[in-house]
């Protein structure tokens, strides 16, 4: 058992809390039983697992430990004290397990393989917002997420945790020049929209059945003028007059699920038409 917080292998994991080390090493870490279960299911190439006695004290934790040892026996295993685990954990109350993963390679091709809306995010800074957007985009059938330069690192422990595993499944590109991204999307015949707080048509009137990309702005500041000038059209999410704006994750969720609703309604109509035709 590793009992020293200054152990070199423990220091290496602790450094991954910082974006510059995640970038330099091409690695990040995840915490908790559920995220490790997801990682094993997705075959994400776990490089290290640090675990403490606490993990085996629950039936689910003991089952996960047994499964991981069988599925990835060549992974580096670090058995650590509760105090050491607490020193590398990014949560106030850890579950006794942490894993180091390689960052995944991403490309535009991953987006073209999927149907659904593409989200472009301008310089988001709140990890909870970004993680929630990953989660709702995954649940609502989005094709992927594009992050502008200056956006918080999606491999931040807080973002990964808030995504609840969706970051493993959903394609994304980071540190992108959004103006260049708009050119690429238009070459694929995507219609590009942007959200504005007031004075645009309601998003309920937007036809999301065709290839669509939507720009969402930074918390508070919104979208810069030069990007608003580059999009095809603007839309607004209707709100009561006494409300100034919505949280960006909430706004993204409403738009994603309106597109999802339209898709499902269309599928039902087609299915009903086919059924009636057979009759």
Protein backbone atom coordinates (compact mmCIF):
# COMPACT_ATOMS: atom_id res chain seq x y z
CA UNK A 1 0.00 0.00 0.00
CA UNK A 2 1.21 3.51 -0.85
CA UNK A 3 0.99 5.67 2.26
CA UNK A 4 3.09 8.68 1.27
CA UNK A 5 1.52 11.68 -0.49
CA UNK A 6 4.97 12.50 -1.88
CA UNK A 7 5.27 9.19 -3.73
CA UNK A 8 6.37 9.98 -7.32
CA UNK A 9 3.49 8.06 -8.92
CA UNK A 10 1.00 9.86 -6.69
CA UNK A 11 2.51 13.23 -7.59
CA UNK A 12 2.10 12.40 -11.29
CA UNK A 13 -1.62 11.82 -10.82
CA UNK A 14 -2.06 14.93 -8.67
CA UNK A 15 -0.50 17.09 -11.39
CA UNK A 16 -3.32 16.11 -13.72
CA UNK A 17 -5.57 18.49 -11.82
CA UNK A 18 -3.78 21.22 -13.81
CA UNK A 19 -4.68 21.81 -17.47
CA UNK A 20 -1.06 22.34 -18.57
CA UNK A 21 -0.06 18.87 -17.37
CA UNK A 22 -3.12 17.26 -18.93
CA UNK A 23 -2.17 18.94 -22.19
CA UNK A 24 1.52 17.99 -22.01
CA UNK A 25 0.89 14.35 -21.12
CA UNK A 26 -2.28 13.74 -23.12
CA UNK A 27 -3.94 12.28 -20.03
CA UNK A 28 -6.71 13.09 -17.57
CA UNK A 29 -8.32 11.34 -14.64
CA UNK A 30 -11.81 10.28 -13.68
CA UNK A 31 -13.19 9.56 -10.24
CA UNK A 32 -15.86 7.37 -8.78
CA UNK A 33 -17.47 4.03 -9.37
CA UNK A 34 -19.96 5.11 -12.03
CA UNK A 35 -17.43 6.84 -14.26
CA UNK A 36 -15.03 3.91 -14.09
CA UNK A 37 -17.89 1.55 -14.96
CA UNK A 38 -18.57 3.72 -18.02
CA UNK A 39 -14.89 3.80 -18.96
CA UNK A 40 -14.65 0.01 -18.83
CA UNK A 41 -17.79 -0.35 -20.92
CA UNK A 42 -16.43 2.08 -23.54
CA UNK A 43 -12.97 0.44 -23.64
CA UNK A 44 -11.19 3.77 -23.18
CA UNK A 45 -7.73 2.36 -22.54
CA UNK A 46 -7.39 2.89 -18.78
CA UNK A 47 -3.70 3.48 -17.98
CA UNK A 48 -3.74 3.55 -14.18
CA UNK A 49 -6.15 2.79 -11.38
CA UNK A 50 -5.60 4.11 -7.88
CA UNK A 51 -7.89 2.61 -5.26
CA UNK A 52 -8.17 2.58 -1.49
CA UNK A 53 -9.74 0.13 1.02
CA UNK A 54 -12.98 2.13 0.87
CA UNK A 55 -13.75 0.81 -2.64
CA UNK A 56 -14.19 -2.83 -1.57
CA UNK A 57 -16.44 -1.95 1.38
CA UNK A 58 -19.50 -1.68 -0.88
CA UNK A 59 -20.89 -4.51 -2.99
CA UNK A 60 -20.85 -2.36 -6.12
CA UNK A 61 -17.29 -1.23 -5.49
CA UNK A 62 -16.04 -4.77 -4.87
CA UNK A 63 -17.77 -5.95 -8.04
CA UNK A 64 -16.18 -3.14 -10.05
CA UNK A 65 -12.73 -3.93 -8.67
CA UNK A 66 -13.10 -7.59 -9.62
CA UNK A 67 -14.35 -6.76 -13.11
CA UNK A 68 -11.58 -4.24 -13.76
CA UNK A 69 -8.85 -6.66 -12.67
CA UNK A 70 -10.16 -9.25 -15.12
CA UNK A 71 -10.79 -6.86 -18.01
CA UNK A 72 -7.64 -4.73 -17.81
CA UNK A 73 -5.04 -6.84 -15.93
CA UNK A 74 -2.08 -5.01 -17.53
CA UNK A 75 -3.16 -1.61 -16.22
CA UNK A 76 -0.92 -0.07 -13.54
CA UNK A 77 -2.61 -0.66 -10.19
CA UNK A 78 -1.92 1.58 -7.20
CA UNK A 79 -3.27 0.51 -3.83
CA UNK A 80 -3.25 3.61 -1.64
CA UNK A 81 -4.27 4.69 1.84
CA UNK A 82 -7.43 6.74 2.39
CA UNK A 83 -5.27 9.77 3.19
CA UNK A 84 -3.34 9.45 -0.09
CA UNK A 85 -6.56 8.95 -2.07
CA UNK A 86 -7.95 12.09 -0.48
CA UNK A 87 -4.86 14.02 -1.58
CA UNK A 88 -5.33 13.16 -5.28
CA UNK A 89 -9.12 13.26 -5.32
CA UNK A 90 -10.90 16.32 -6.69
CA UNK A 91 -14.01 15.69 -4.58
CA UNK A 92 -14.74 16.35 -0.92
CA UNK A 93 -15.78 12.74 -0.31
CA UNK A 94 -14.12 10.21 -2.63
CA UNK A 95 -15.46 6.72 -3.40
CA UNK A 96 -12.08 5.04 -3.18
CA UNK A 97 -11.20 4.84 -6.87
CA UNK A 98 -9.59 7.04 -9.51
CA UNK A 99 -8.41 6.15 -13.03
CA UNK A 100 -6.04 7.81 -15.50
CA UNK A 101 -7.16 7.76 -19.13
CA UNK A 102 -5.60 8.91 -22.41
CA UNK A 103 -7.28 11.80 -24.16
CA UNK A 104 -9.21 10.55 -27.14
CA UNK A 105 -8.42 11.57 -30.71
CA UNK A 106 -11.17 13.58 -32.36
CA UNK A 107 -11.89 14.55 -35.95
CA UNK A 108 -14.64 16.04 -38.08
CA UNK A 109 -15.34 12.58 -39.46
CA UNK A 110 -16.83 11.58 -36.09
CA UNK A 111 -19.42 14.33 -36.53
CA UNK A 112 -20.38 13.31 -40.06
CA UNK A 113 -20.99 9.75 -38.88
CA UNK A 114 -23.85 10.94 -36.66
CA UNK A 115 -27.16 12.68 -37.19
CA UNK A 116 -28.31 15.54 -35.03
CA UNK A 117 -27.46 19.09 -34.14
CA UNK A 118 -23.88 20.34 -33.77
CA UNK A 119 -23.28 22.79 -30.91
CA UNK A 120 -20.60 25.49 -31.09
CA UNK A 121 -19.65 26.97 -27.71
CA UNK A 122 -17.90 30.31 -27.39
CA UNK A 123 -15.46 30.63 -24.47
CA UNK A 124 -17.52 28.93 -21.77
CA UNK A 125 -15.80 29.13 -18.38
CA UNK A 126 -18.04 27.28 -15.94
CA UNK A 127 -17.19 23.55 -15.68
CA UNK A 128 -20.68 22.67 -14.48
CA UNK A 129 -22.25 24.33 -17.53
CA UNK A 130 -19.92 22.59 -19.97
CA UNK A 131 -20.34 19.18 -18.35
CA UNK A 132 -24.12 19.59 -18.31
CA UNK A 133 -24.14 20.54 -22.00
CA UNK A 134 -22.21 17.37 -22.82
CA UNK A 135 -24.76 15.36 -20.86
CA UNK A 136 -27.88 16.92 -22.40
CA UNK A 137 -26.37 16.87 -25.91
CA UNK A 138 -25.67 13.16 -25.54
CA UNK A 139 -29.17 12.47 -24.19
CA UNK A 140 -30.84 14.61 -26.87
CA UNK A 141 -29.14 12.97 -29.83
CA UNK A 142 -26.77 15.79 -30.81
CA UNK A 143 -23.99 14.97 -33.28
CA UNK A 144 -21.24 16.67 -31.29
CA UNK A 145 -19.83 19.76 -29.60
CA UNK A 146 -17.23 22.24 -30.86
CA UNK A 147 -15.35 24.31 -28.28
CA UNK A 148 -13.78 27.63 -29.17
CA UNK A 149 -10.34 28.79 -28.19
CA UNK A 150 -10.51 30.13 -24.64
CA UNK A 151 -13.11 27.61 -23.46
CA UNK A 152 -12.44 25.73 -20.22
CA UNK A 153 -10.63 22.42 -20.69
CA UNK A 154 -13.29 19.68 -21.15
CA UNK A 155 -10.91 17.21 -19.45
CA UNK A 156 -11.09 19.19 -16.21
CA UNK A 157 -12.18 16.83 -13.39
CA UNK A 158 -15.24 18.99 -12.70
CA UNK A 159 -16.35 18.98 -16.34
CA UNK A 160 -15.87 15.22 -16.65
CA UNK A 161 -17.81 14.65 -13.44
CA UNK A 162 -20.69 16.92 -14.51
CA UNK A 163 -20.92 15.14 -17.88
CA UNK A 164 -21.72 11.86 -16.08
CA UNK A 165 -19.85 9.88 -18.74
CA UNK A 166 -21.29 11.63 -21.79
CA UNK A 167 -17.87 13.08 -22.58
CA UNK A 168 -16.75 9.50 -23.33
CA UNK A 169 -19.44 9.03 -26.00
CA UNK A 170 -20.01 12.40 -27.63
CA UNK A 171 -17.60 13.64 -30.33
CA UNK A 172 -16.03 17.03 -29.61
CA UNK A 173 -13.33 19.32 -30.93
CA UNK A 174 -11.48 21.77 -28.69
CA UNK A 175 -9.50 25.00 -29.15
CA UNK A 176 -11.24 25.70 -32.45
CA UNK A 177 -11.40 28.89 -34.53
CA UNK A 178 -15.19 29.13 -34.82
CA UNK A 179 -15.13 31.24 -37.98
CA UNK A 180 -13.19 28.48 -39.72
CA UNK A 181 -15.59 25.91 -38.28
CA UNK A 182 -18.53 27.78 -39.82
CA UNK A 183 -16.88 27.52 -43.24
CA UNK A 184 -16.45 23.77 -42.81
CA UNK A 185 -20.06 23.34 -41.70
CA UNK A 186 -21.37 25.34 -44.65
CA UNK A 187 -19.33 23.18 -47.02
CA UNK A 188 -21.40 20.29 -45.64
CA UNK A 189 -24.63 22.29 -46.17
CA UNK A 190 -25.31 22.96 -42.49
CA UNK A 191 -27.50 25.91 -41.63
CA UNK A 192 -25.91 27.92 -38.82
CA UNK A 193 -27.98 29.66 -36.15
CA UNK A 194 -27.05 31.72 -33.10
CA UNK A 195 -28.98 32.33 -29.91
CA UNK A 196 -29.75 35.90 -28.88
CA UNK A 197 -31.61 37.08 -25.79
CA UNK A 198 -34.12 39.33 -27.54
CA UNK A 199 -35.47 40.38 -30.96
CA UNK A 200 -35.09 37.09 -32.81
CA UNK A 201 -37.81 34.68 -33.96
CA UNK A 202 -38.76 31.97 -31.48
CA UNK A 203 -36.73 28.76 -31.65
CA UNK A 204 -40.08 26.94 -31.81
CA UNK A 205 -40.36 28.21 -35.39
CA UNK A 206 -36.97 26.87 -36.48
CA UNK A 207 -36.92 23.77 -38.69
CA UNK A 208 -34.27 21.53 -37.12
CA UNK A 209 -34.91 18.65 -39.52
CA UNK A 210 -32.13 19.73 -41.88
CA UNK A 211 -28.42 19.69 -40.89
CA UNK A 212 -28.18 22.39 -38.23
CA UNK A 213 -25.47 23.98 -36.10
CA UNK A 214 -26.17 26.38 -33.24
CA UNK A 215 -23.82 28.88 -31.59
CA UNK A 216 -24.09 29.51 -27.84
CA UNK A 217 -22.25 32.36 -26.14
CA UNK A 218 -20.19 32.77 -23.02
CA UNK A 219 -21.92 33.03 -19.66
CA UNK A 220 -22.84 36.68 -19.16
CA UNK A 221 -21.09 38.17 -22.19
CA UNK A 222 -22.91 36.16 -24.87
CA UNK A 223 -21.61 35.99 -28.44
CA UNK A 224 -19.24 38.58 -29.97
CA UNK A 225 -20.50 40.71 -32.83
CA UNK A 226 -18.11 39.24 -35.39
CA UNK A 227 -19.60 35.78 -34.91
CA UNK A 228 -23.19 37.02 -34.99
CA UNK A 229 -22.41 38.56 -38.38
CA UNK A 230 -21.21 35.20 -39.70
CA UNK A 231 -24.26 33.07 -38.94
CA UNK A 232 -27.20 32.46 -41.27
CA UNK A 233 -29.94 33.43 -38.83
CA UNK A 234 -30.68 34.26 -35.19
CA UNK A 235 -33.33 32.92 -32.85
CA UNK A 236 -34.56 33.64 -29.32
CA UNK A 237 -35.82 31.42 -26.53
CA UNK A 238 -39.10 33.05 -25.35
CA UNK A 239 -39.06 34.14 -21.71
CA UNK A 240 -41.25 36.09 -19.33
CA UNK A 241 -40.55 39.82 -19.57
CA UNK A 242 -39.11 40.05 -16.05
CA UNK A 243 -36.37 37.46 -16.83
CA UNK A 244 -33.14 38.77 -18.32
CA UNK A 245 -31.56 35.57 -19.62
CA UNK A 246 -31.17 31.80 -19.16
CA UNK A 247 -28.21 29.79 -17.97
CA UNK A 248 -26.32 28.65 -21.08
CA UNK A 249 -26.66 24.96 -20.19
CA UNK A 250 -30.42 25.38 -19.75
CA UNK A 251 -30.67 27.26 -23.06
CA UNK A 252 -28.72 24.55 -24.86
CA UNK A 253 -30.93 21.87 -23.31
CA UNK A 254 -34.14 23.55 -24.50
CA UNK A 255 -32.83 23.90 -28.06
CA UNK A 256 -31.46 20.35 -28.21
CA UNK A 257 -34.74 18.91 -27.02
CA UNK A 258 -36.81 20.98 -29.42
CA UNK A 259 -34.73 19.46 -32.23
CA UNK A 260 -35.16 16.03 -30.64
CA UNK A 261 -38.94 16.55 -30.36
CA UNK A 262 -39.17 17.52 -34.03
CA UNK A 263 -37.19 14.46 -35.06
CA UNK A 264 -39.32 12.08 -32.99
CA UNK A 265 -42.57 13.69 -34.23
CA UNK A 266 -41.38 13.24 -37.81
CA UNK A 267 -40.51 9.59 -37.18
CA UNK A 268 -43.97 8.97 -35.71
CA UNK A 269 -45.65 10.60 -38.71
CA UNK A 270 -43.61 8.50 -41.14
CA UNK A 271 -44.37 5.33 -39.18
CA UNK A 272 -48.08 6.14 -39.14
CA UNK A 273 -48.05 6.85 -42.88
CA UNK A 274 -46.37 3.50 -43.62
CA UNK A 275 -48.84 1.66 -41.39
CA UNK A 276 -51.83 3.28 -43.09
CA UNK A 277 -50.35 2.57 -46.53
CA UNK A 278 -49.98 -1.13 -45.70
CA UNK A 279 -53.60 -1.28 -44.62
